[in-house]
Structures are given as structure tokens and as C-alpha cells.
C-alpha atoms as a PDB file:
ATOM      1  CA  MET A   1     -19.733  23.973  36.665  1.00  0.00           C
ATOM      2  CA  ASN A   2     -22.571  26.169  35.431  1.00  0.00           C
ATOM      3  CA  LEU A   3     -25.764  24.860  33.834  1.00  0.00           C
ATOM      4  CA  ARG A   4     -24.759  25.956  30.319  1.00  0.00           C
ATOM      5  CA  HIS A   5     -21.434  24.086  30.586  1.00  0.00           C
ATOM      6  CA  ALA A   6     -23.184  20.969  31.900  1.00  0.00           C
ATOM      7  CA  ALA A   7     -25.670  21.108  29.017  1.00  0.00           C
ATOM      8  CA  ALA A   8     -22.834  21.384  26.498  1.00  0.00           C
ATOM      9  CA  LEU A   9     -21.138  18.322  27.981  1.00  0.00           C
ATOM     10  CA  ALA A  10     -24.387  16.371  27.793  1.00  0.00           C
ATOM     11  CA  LEU A  11     -24.548  16.955  24.019  1.00  0.00           C
ATOM     12  CA  VAL A  12     -21.168  15.344  23.316  1.00  0.00           C
ATOM     13  CA  PHE A  13     -21.247  11.936  21.686  1.00  0.00           C
ATOM     14  CA  TRP A  14     -18.621   9.330  22.440  1.00  0.00           C
ATOM     15  CA  TYR A  15     -17.123   7.117  19.763  1.00  0.00           C
ATOM     16  CA  PHE A  16     -15.675   3.654  20.235  1.00  0.00           C
ATOM     17  CA  VAL A  17     -12.866   3.529  17.665  1.00  0.00           C
ATOM     18  CA  ALA A  18     -10.455   0.784  16.657  1.00  0.00           C
ATOM     19  CA  PRO A  19      -7.025   1.088  15.048  1.00  0.00           C
ATOM     20  CA  PRO A  20      -6.470   0.153  11.420  1.00  0.00           C
ATOM     21  CA  LEU A  21      -5.351  -3.351  10.549  1.00  0.00           C
ATOM     22  CA  TYR A  22      -2.356  -3.907   8.296  1.00  0.00           C
ATOM     23  CA  ARG A  23      -1.416  -7.106   6.493  1.00  0.00           C
ATOM     24  CA  LEU A  24       2.287  -7.952   6.535  1.00  0.00           C
ATOM     25  CA  GLY A  25       2.923  -9.767   3.298  1.00  0.00           C
ATOM     26  CA  PRO A  26       1.048 -10.292   0.049  1.00  0.00           C
ATOM     27  CA  ALA A  27      -2.629  -9.342   0.134  1.00  0.00           C
ATOM     28  CA  ASN A  28      -3.656 -12.740  -1.201  1.00  0.00           C
ATOM     29  CA  ASP A  29      -1.622 -14.719   1.351  1.00  0.00           C
ATOM     30  CA  PRO A  30      -4.052 -16.137   3.941  1.00  0.00           C
ATOM     31  CA  LYS A  31      -1.101 -16.810   6.271  1.00  0.00           C
ATOM     32  CA  ALA A  32       0.181 -13.223   6.195  1.00  0.00           C
ATOM     33  CA  GLU A  33       0.384 -11.672   9.634  1.00  0.00           C
ATOM     34  CA  ILE A  34      -2.107  -8.928  10.462  1.00  0.00           C
ATOM     35  CA  VAL A  35      -1.064  -6.193  12.883  1.00  0.00           C
ATOM     36  CA  THR A  36      -2.891  -3.274  14.454  1.00  0.00           C
ATOM     37  CA  GLY A  37      -1.770   0.254  13.721  1.00  0.00           C
ATOM     38  CA  ILE A  38      -2.121   1.671  17.226  1.00  0.00           C
ATOM     39  CA  LYS A  39       0.254   4.526  16.357  1.00  0.00           C
ATOM     40  CA  ALA A  40      -1.703   5.474  13.224  1.00  0.00           C
ATOM     41  CA  PRO A  41      -3.387   8.886  13.223  1.00  0.00           C
ATOM     42  CA  LEU A  42      -6.932   8.828  14.549  1.00  0.00           C
ATOM     43  CA  SER A  43      -8.187   9.740  11.070  1.00  0.00           C
ATOM     44  CA  GLU A  44      -7.274   6.179  10.007  1.00  0.00           C
ATOM     45  CA  TRP A  45      -9.124   4.463  12.849  1.00  0.00           C
ATOM     46  CA  THR A  46     -12.566   2.896  12.384  1.00  0.00           C
ATOM     47  CA  ILE A  47     -15.596   4.125  14.278  1.00  0.00           C
ATOM     48  CA  LEU A  48     -17.285   0.983  15.593  1.00  0.00           C
ATOM     49  CA  ALA A  49     -20.053   2.531  17.670  1.00  0.00           C
ATOM     50  CA  ARG A  50     -21.433   5.814  19.012  1.00  0.00           C
ATOM     51  CA  PHE A  51     -22.687   6.435  22.544  1.00  0.00           C
ATOM     52  CA  ASP A  52     -24.471   9.220  24.374  1.00  0.00           C
ATOM     53  CA  THR A  53     -22.228   8.998  27.454  1.00  0.00           C
ATOM     54  CA  ALA A  54     -18.663   8.060  28.349  1.00  0.00           C
ATOM     55  CA  THR A  55     -19.984   5.455  30.786  1.00  0.00           C
ATOM     56  CA  GLU A  56     -21.839   3.639  27.999  1.00  0.00           C
ATOM     57  CA  CYS A  57     -18.795   3.773  25.741  1.00  0.00           C
ATOM     58  CA  TYR A  58     -16.346   2.466  28.335  1.00  0.00           C
ATOM     59  CA  GLY A  59     -18.793  -0.291  29.279  1.00  0.00           C
ATOM     60  CA  TYR A  60     -19.192  -1.475  25.693  1.00  0.00           C
ATOM     61  CA  PRO A  61     -16.152  -3.809  25.464  1.00  0.00           C
ATOM     62  CA  ALA A  62     -17.512  -5.922  28.305  1.00  0.00           C
ATOM     63  CA  ARG A  63     -20.572  -6.714  26.160  1.00  0.00           C
ATOM     64  CA  PHE A  64     -18.561  -7.706  23.081  1.00  0.00           C
ATOM     65  CA  GLN A  65     -18.790 -11.354  22.088  1.00  0.00           C
ATOM     66  CA  THR A  66     -16.284 -12.901  19.673  1.00  0.00           C
ATOM     67  CA  PRO A  67     -17.243 -15.755  17.371  1.00  0.00           C
ATOM     68  CA  GLN A  68     -16.094 -19.107  18.716  1.00  0.00           C
ATOM     69  CA  THR A  69     -16.199 -20.905  15.367  1.00  0.00           C
ATOM     70  CA  ASN A  70     -12.619 -19.941  14.507  1.00  0.00           C
ATOM     71  CA  PRO A  71     -10.395 -19.677  17.605  1.00  0.00           C
ATOM     72  CA  LYS A  72      -7.552 -17.933  15.722  1.00  0.00           C
ATOM     73  CA  ALA A  73      -9.945 -15.324  14.282  1.00  0.00           C
ATOM     74  CA  ALA A  74     -11.624 -14.894  17.675  1.00  0.00           C
ATOM     75  CA  SER A  75      -8.242 -14.291  19.307  1.00  0.00           C
ATOM     76  CA  ALA A  76      -7.324 -11.702  16.661  1.00  0.00           C
ATOM     77  CA  ALA A  77     -10.708  -9.987  17.040  1.00  0.00           C
ATOM     78  CA  ARG A  78     -10.302  -9.811  20.830  1.00  0.00           C
ATOM     79  CA  TYR A  79      -6.798  -8.339  20.439  1.00  0.00           C
ATOM     80  CA  TRP A  80      -8.016  -5.713  17.935  1.00  0.00           C
ATOM     81  CA  PHE A  81     -11.034  -4.882  20.079  1.00  0.00           C
ATOM     82  CA  ALA A  82      -8.788  -4.545  23.157  1.00  0.00           C
ATOM     83  CA  LYS A  83      -6.812  -1.831  21.339  1.00  0.00           C
ATOM     84  CA  ALA A  84      -9.985   0.169  20.633  1.00  0.00           C
ATOM     85  CA  ILE A  85     -10.588   3.348  22.652  1.00  0.00           C
ATOM     86  CA  CYS A  86     -13.431   5.658  23.606  1.00  0.00           C
ATOM     87  CA  ILE A  87     -13.063   9.250  22.487  1.00  0.00           C
ATOM     88  CA  ALA A  88     -15.347  12.251  22.789  1.00  0.00           C
ATOM     89  CA  ALA A  89     -16.658  13.715  19.550  1.00  0.00           C
ATOM     90  CA  ASP A  90     -15.321  17.123  20.557  1.00  0.00           C
ATOM     91  CA  ASP A  91     -11.787  15.845  21.266  1.00  0.00           C
ATOM     92  CA  PRO A  92      -9.365  17.939  19.154  1.00  0.00           C
ATOM     93  CA  ARG A  93      -7.856  14.735  17.737  1.00  0.00           C
ATOM     94  CA  MET A  94     -11.223  14.042  16.089  1.00  0.00           C
ATOM     95  CA  SER A  95     -11.029  17.219  13.995  1.00  0.00           C
ATOM     96  CA  HIS A  96      -9.409  15.337  11.088  1.00  0.00           C
ATOM     97  CA  VAL A  97     -11.642  12.276  11.337  1.00  0.00           C
ATOM     98  CA  LYS A  98     -14.236  11.863   8.622  1.00  0.00           C
ATOM     99  CA  ILE A  99     -17.372  10.951  10.566  1.00  0.00           C
ATOM    100  CA  PRO A 100     -19.685   8.713   8.549  1.00  0.00           C
ATOM    101  CA  PRO A 101     -23.386   9.574   8.402  1.00  0.00           C
ATOM    102  CA  ALA A 102     -25.176   8.769  11.654  1.00  0.00           C
ATOM    103  CA  LYS A 103     -27.220   6.072   9.901  1.00  0.00           C
ATOM    104  CA  ASP A 104     -23.979   4.174   9.221  1.00  0.00           C
ATOM    105  CA  ILE A 105     -22.752   4.164  12.838  1.00  0.00           C
ATOM    106  CA  THR A 106     -23.953   1.539  15.287  1.00  0.00           C
ATOM    107  CA  VAL A 107     -25.723   2.875  18.350  1.00  0.00           C
ATOM    108  CA  PRO A 108     -25.828  -0.145  20.683  1.00  0.00           C
ATOM    109  CA  SER A 109     -28.918  -0.809  22.726  1.00  0.00           C
ATOM    110  CA  HIS A 110     -28.894   0.248  26.352  1.00  0.00           C
ATOM    111  CA  LYS A 111     -30.249  -3.179  27.268  1.00  0.00           C
ATOM    112  CA  GLY A 112     -28.016  -5.984  28.447  1.00  0.00           C
ATOM    113  CA  LYS A 113     -27.187  -9.197  26.618  1.00  0.00           C
ATOM    114  CA  GLY A 114     -30.113 -11.230  25.413  1.00  0.00           C
ATOM    115  CA  ASN A 115     -32.606  -8.337  25.546  1.00  0.00           C
END
């Protein structure tokens, strides 16, 4: 790998994206089942965070904490989060994804929990 190629790779952001959620049943039914659309096109997925490196992105799920106040909601959040993936900004599948302004994307701290 030459220096120019290495520099180009260093400039690639990584996105942590989650699949869309779909409600099965009436929108106003609190008991309607919610499913993840893991087969939906990437353009429908939600960008949850942006990282400078793949290592940071792939390490992010381990730092995720779900709320414990509602066990059913926490379980659903964990399931949805488990379906999320890391993808490089220059991945061809991202070409149809509308990237929100940088100010609207979370860039998690490099520090560990509690810092």
C-alpha cells in the first residue's frame, strides 16, 4: 500500500447505521408489533453515529447501555441495536443514502464509560 492510498483510507468516516422499524398494525395501537427492516435498502436505515475508524465503530455497540426502566422496551432496543452495522462512508451502498449535516450526527467520545 502506498502512502497516498493509506492517506485516502484514513480520511474515510465510518457510520453506525440501524435498520428501519416498522409497526405491524394500526399506528395508534400500543400493542402492535414492531419489526426491524433488515432487508430494507440502506437509504432507509438511520445513521446513529459517525466514527473516524472502523475499530471505533465496531467497538461502539459494547458501550451501548439500554434503559432498564422498561424491560420490554430495553429488550426491543437491544434487538434493534444488534441489527445495526458499521459501514464506510465510501461504500458504494452509501451512494443513495442522504447523509444528514455533520452537526446532526453523533460523534461519540473516545473516552470509556463514565468519563
